Amino acid sequence: MRPSLTVEIWSDVVCPWCYIGKRRFETAAAQLRDEVDLEVVFRPYQLDPTASPGKSQPVIEAYAKKFGGPERAAQIIANVTDVAAGEGLAFHMDKALRANTLLAHRLLFLAEATGQQYALKERLLKAYFTDGLDIGDPDVLAECAAEVGLPADTVRAFLDTDDGTAEVRQMLQIAADAEITAVPTFVLDGRWAVPGAQDPETFVNVIRRLLQRRLDEAAAQPPEPATEPAQEAADACTDEVCDV
């Protein structure tokens, strides 16, 4: 019987390295399919919580304002687009629309309870990075949810209330209290945090080390020191900048 391992992925749906990191983690998970059952849950993080609800703007304009002009924005977009292509992702950030992501995180909270969160997360990332959809628009979110099996009318009704808002804000505070300041951040078994879009080999090595630690603890052998395994810096996004 394979052991199970919970992986909480703190991320935002407008974070390019979160999408890239998700793909790299999936590559690692495929390599580990015979060794462990991974239970993945997505947790909320907002790169720009001050973005106006109900409004959107072209990403290239938002990046130009935030990162020092159109030339720098184009450089960032070109770089992450090239990296994403290496992971099999088609970024079309020339038509992406920057929006407040609170509604999207509330919807992901709802989908966790129905077992459709993983599929919805993928759809929302694709909606933003590939399809150029406004993921701050409740109607767009309802359509995306319907594509993964959630009734659109139920989703629309949910988003028209405040349901899930308190829970999402509580999780955002948990992230702040845990000093998660860049995403993606992968929290394994509630004890080891792996920051950034690491390469698949790093994920594989860390998960195997954690599983071995569990075996050592179960056998009452002296475990390794309780410190997290050291990780080299990996590409990530913070409130202020995305690594390029």
Protein backbone atom coordinates (compact mmCIF):
# COMPACT_ATOMS: atom_id res chain seq x y z
CA MET A 1 0.00 0.00 0.00
CA ARG A 2 1.42 3.35 -1.01
CA PRO A 3 1.70 6.13 1.56
CA SER A 4 -0.23 9.33 1.02
CA LEU A 5 1.11 12.86 1.23
CA THR A 6 -0.81 16.13 1.34
CA VAL A 7 0.61 18.97 -0.73
CA GLU A 8 -0.79 22.47 -0.21
CA ILE A 9 0.09 24.74 -3.12
CA TRP A 10 -0.15 28.42 -2.29
CA SER A 11 -0.56 30.34 -5.53
CA ASP A 12 -2.45 32.96 -7.50
CA VAL A 13 -4.23 32.43 -10.81
CA VAL A 14 -2.42 35.40 -12.39
CA CYS A 15 1.07 34.21 -11.38
CA PRO A 16 3.06 32.87 -14.37
CA TRP A 17 5.50 30.91 -12.22
CA CYS A 18 2.56 29.28 -10.42
CA TYR A 19 1.37 27.79 -13.72
CA ILE A 20 4.90 26.77 -14.69
CA GLY A 21 5.54 25.37 -11.21
CA LYS A 22 2.29 23.40 -11.37
CA ARG A 23 3.45 21.72 -14.58
CA ARG A 24 6.86 20.90 -13.13
CA PHE A 25 5.25 19.47 -10.01
CA GLU A 26 2.97 17.33 -12.18
CA THR A 27 6.04 15.96 -13.95
CA ALA A 28 7.50 15.02 -10.57
CA ALA A 29 4.19 13.48 -9.46
CA ALA A 30 4.16 11.27 -12.55
CA GLN A 31 7.63 9.98 -11.64
CA LEU A 32 6.41 9.18 -8.12
CA ARG A 33 3.09 7.57 -9.05
CA ASP A 34 4.24 4.11 -7.88
CA GLU A 35 5.71 5.42 -4.62
CA VAL A 36 3.15 7.79 -3.08
CA ASP A 37 -0.42 9.04 -3.44
CA LEU A 38 -0.28 12.83 -3.55
CA GLU A 39 -3.31 14.74 -2.31
CA VAL A 40 -3.06 18.25 -3.75
CA VAL A 41 -4.97 21.24 -2.40
CA PHE A 42 -4.65 24.77 -3.75
CA ARG A 43 -4.50 27.62 -1.26
CA PRO A 44 -5.07 31.31 -2.04
CA TYR A 45 -2.52 34.06 -2.45
CA GLN A 46 -3.13 37.46 -4.01
CA LEU A 47 -0.27 39.13 -5.81
CA ASP A 48 -2.28 42.34 -6.13
CA PRO A 49 -5.05 42.47 -3.51
CA THR A 50 -5.51 46.19 -4.21
CA ALA A 51 -6.68 45.57 -7.80
CA SER A 52 -10.14 47.06 -8.24
CA PRO A 53 -12.90 44.43 -8.14
CA GLY A 54 -14.96 44.33 -11.32
CA LYS A 55 -12.30 46.05 -13.42
CA SER A 56 -9.57 44.65 -15.64
CA GLN A 57 -6.77 46.00 -17.78
CA PRO A 58 -4.34 44.52 -20.31
CA VAL A 59 -1.48 42.78 -18.57
CA ILE A 60 1.10 44.56 -20.65
CA GLU A 61 -0.19 47.90 -19.32
CA ALA A 62 -0.22 46.66 -15.73
CA TYR A 63 3.30 45.24 -16.07
CA ALA A 64 4.59 48.45 -17.66
CA LYS A 65 3.28 50.45 -14.72
CA LYS A 66 4.56 48.01 -12.11
CA PHE A 67 7.92 47.00 -13.55
CA GLY A 68 9.32 50.16 -15.10
CA GLY A 69 7.86 50.75 -18.54
CA PRO A 70 6.72 48.96 -21.71
CA GLU A 71 10.18 47.69 -22.65
CA ARG A 72 10.71 45.98 -19.31
CA ALA A 73 7.15 44.60 -19.40
CA ALA A 74 7.75 43.11 -22.85
CA GLN A 75 10.99 41.53 -21.62
CA ILE A 76 9.25 39.90 -18.66
CA ILE A 77 6.41 38.60 -20.81
CA ALA A 78 8.75 37.24 -23.48
CA ASN A 79 10.87 35.44 -20.88
CA VAL A 80 8.04 33.71 -19.04
CA THR A 81 6.38 32.86 -22.35
CA ASP A 82 9.55 31.09 -23.51
CA VAL A 83 9.92 29.23 -20.20
CA ALA A 84 6.26 28.22 -20.26
CA ALA A 85 6.62 26.88 -23.79
CA GLY A 86 9.37 24.58 -22.50
CA GLU A 87 6.79 23.09 -20.12
CA GLY A 88 4.19 22.65 -22.88
CA LEU A 89 2.19 25.76 -21.96
CA ALA A 90 1.01 28.29 -24.53
CA PHE A 91 1.08 31.74 -22.95
CA HIS A 92 -0.66 34.57 -24.84
CA MET A 93 -0.06 37.35 -22.37
CA ASP A 94 -0.44 39.96 -25.09
CA LYS A 95 -4.19 39.50 -24.62
CA ALA A 96 -4.25 38.61 -20.90
CA LEU A 97 -6.35 40.81 -18.61
CA ARG A 98 -5.16 41.67 -15.12
CA ALA A 99 -7.98 41.52 -12.55
CA ASN A 100 -8.63 41.12 -8.85
CA THR A 101 -8.51 37.40 -8.05
CA LEU A 102 -10.61 37.22 -4.88
CA LEU A 103 -13.65 35.85 -6.73
CA ALA A 104 -11.49 33.19 -8.37
CA HIS A 105 -10.12 32.10 -4.99
CA ARG A 106 -13.62 31.96 -3.53
CA LEU A 107 -14.64 29.74 -6.43
CA LEU A 108 -11.64 27.47 -5.86
CA PHE A 109 -12.69 27.24 -2.20
CA LEU A 110 -16.13 26.07 -3.34
CA ALA A 111 -14.63 23.58 -5.78
CA GLU A 112 -12.45 22.04 -3.06
CA ALA A 113 -15.60 20.83 -1.32
CA THR A 114 -16.98 19.30 -4.52
CA GLY A 115 -13.78 17.55 -5.58
CA GLN A 116 -13.31 19.66 -8.70
CA GLN A 117 -10.71 22.10 -7.44
CA TYR A 118 -7.74 20.67 -9.35
CA ALA A 119 -9.54 20.76 -12.70
CA LEU A 120 -10.87 24.23 -12.00
CA LYS A 121 -7.43 25.57 -11.09
CA GLU A 122 -6.09 24.36 -14.42
CA ARG A 123 -9.02 25.91 -16.28
CA LEU A 124 -8.61 29.28 -14.58
CA LEU A 125 -4.89 29.39 -15.29
CA LYS A 126 -5.54 28.57 -18.94
CA ALA A 127 -8.34 31.14 -19.07
CA TYR A 128 -5.95 33.85 -17.94
CA PHE A 129 -2.65 32.95 -19.61
CA THR A 130 -3.88 31.38 -22.85
CA ASP A 131 -7.44 32.45 -23.58
CA GLY A 132 -7.30 36.11 -22.52
CA LEU A 133 -10.45 35.83 -20.39
CA ASP A 134 -11.32 38.18 -17.54
CA ILE A 135 -11.01 35.96 -14.47
CA GLY A 136 -12.46 38.77 -12.34
CA ASP A 137 -15.78 38.52 -14.17
CA PRO A 138 -18.36 36.31 -12.36
CA ASP A 139 -19.92 35.21 -15.64
CA VAL A 140 -16.54 34.08 -17.00
CA LEU A 141 -15.84 32.22 -13.78
CA ALA A 142 -19.22 30.49 -13.96
CA GLU A 143 -18.54 29.41 -17.54
CA CYS A 144 -15.11 28.04 -16.59
CA ALA A 145 -16.63 26.20 -13.63
CA ALA A 146 -19.31 24.67 -15.86
CA GLU A 147 -16.60 23.28 -18.13
CA VAL A 148 -15.21 21.21 -15.23
CA GLY A 149 -18.60 20.04 -13.99
CA LEU A 150 -19.84 22.71 -11.58
CA PRO A 151 -23.35 24.01 -12.41
CA ALA A 152 -23.00 27.54 -13.77
CA ASP A 153 -26.16 28.80 -12.06
CA THR A 154 -25.00 27.45 -8.71
CA VAL A 155 -21.61 29.11 -9.13
CA ARG A 156 -23.14 32.42 -10.18
CA ALA A 157 -25.45 32.39 -7.17
CA PHE A 158 -22.51 31.58 -4.89
CA LEU A 159 -20.42 34.45 -6.27
CA ASP A 160 -23.33 36.87 -5.85
CA THR A 161 -23.11 36.33 -2.08
CA ASP A 162 -20.22 36.74 0.35
CA ASP A 163 -19.96 32.98 0.88
CA GLY A 164 -16.39 31.80 1.06
CA THR A 165 -14.96 35.29 1.53
CA ALA A 166 -14.20 34.89 5.22
CA GLU A 167 -12.62 31.49 4.64
CA VAL A 168 -10.41 32.76 1.82
CA ARG A 169 -9.31 35.77 3.86
CA GLN A 170 -8.51 33.46 6.75
CA MET A 171 -6.27 31.37 4.46
CA LEU A 172 -4.59 34.52 3.16
CA GLN A 173 -3.82 35.45 6.76
CA ILE A 174 -2.45 31.97 7.43
CA ALA A 175 -0.08 32.47 4.52
CA ALA A 176 0.99 35.83 5.92
CA ASP A 177 1.51 34.35 9.40
CA ALA A 178 3.60 31.56 7.84
CA GLU A 179 5.70 34.23 6.11
CA ILE A 180 4.79 33.00 2.64
CA THR A 181 5.79 36.02 0.59
CA ALA A 182 6.33 34.48 -2.84
CA VAL A 183 4.40 31.99 -4.91
CA PRO A 184 4.18 29.25 -5.77
CA THR A 185 5.01 27.75 -2.39
CA PHE A 186 4.50 24.00 -1.94
CA VAL A 187 3.89 22.88 1.66
CA LEU A 188 4.46 19.15 2.07
CA ASP A 189 2.82 17.23 4.89
CA GLY A 190 2.29 20.50 6.74
CA ARG A 191 5.95 20.70 7.68
CA TRP A 192 8.27 21.33 4.74
CA ALA A 193 7.90 24.30 2.40
CA VAL A 194 9.37 24.22 -1.09
CA PRO A 195 9.40 27.73 -2.59
CA GLY A 196 9.22 28.64 -6.25
CA ALA A 197 8.84 26.78 -9.55
CA GLN A 198 11.49 24.16 -8.77
CA ASP A 199 12.59 21.63 -11.36
CA PRO A 200 10.89 18.21 -11.17
CA GLU A 201 14.01 16.51 -9.78
CA THR A 202 13.96 18.79 -6.75
CA PHE A 203 10.33 17.94 -5.99
CA VAL A 204 11.06 14.23 -6.38
CA ASN A 205 14.08 14.38 -4.06
CA VAL A 206 12.30 16.37 -1.35
CA ILE A 207 9.23 14.11 -1.36
CA ARG A 208 11.37 10.98 -1.15
CA ARG A 209 13.34 12.47 1.72
CA LEU A 210 10.14 13.31 3.57
CA LEU A 211 8.76 9.81 3.06
CA GLN A 212 12.01 8.34 4.40
CA ARG A 213 11.78 10.60 7.44
CA ARG A 214 8.31 9.24 8.10
CA LEU A 215 9.64 5.66 7.96
CA ASP A 216 12.45 6.55 10.35
CA GLU A 217 9.98 8.09 12.79
CA ALA A 218 7.66 5.07 12.55
CA ALA A 219 10.57 2.75 13.26
CA ALA A 220 11.55 4.90 16.24
CA GLN A 221 14.95 5.52 14.70
CA PRO A 222 16.68 8.81 15.35
CA PRO A 223 15.29 11.00 12.58
CA GLU A 224 17.17 13.55 10.61
CA PRO A 225 17.18 17.05 12.09
CA ALA A 226 13.73 18.65 11.86
CA THR A 227 14.89 21.43 9.63
CA GLU A 228 13.50 21.74 6.14
CA PRO A 229 15.77 20.60 3.33
CA ALA A 230 17.73 23.48 1.89
CA GLN A 231 16.43 24.64 -1.47
CA GLU A 232 18.13 26.87 -3.97
CA ALA A 233 16.15 29.90 -5.04
CA ALA A 234 13.64 29.16 -7.80
CA ASP A 235 11.56 31.43 -9.99
CA ALA A 236 8.58 32.89 -8.17
CA CYS A 237 6.32 35.93 -7.94
CA THR A 238 6.00 38.31 -4.99
CA ASP A 239 3.73 41.26 -4.44
CA GLU A 240 6.28 43.48 -6.13
CA VAL A 241 7.99 41.49 -8.88
CA CYS A 242 8.16 38.24 -10.82
CA ASP A 243 11.61 36.71 -11.30
CA VAL A 244 12.71 36.82 -14.91
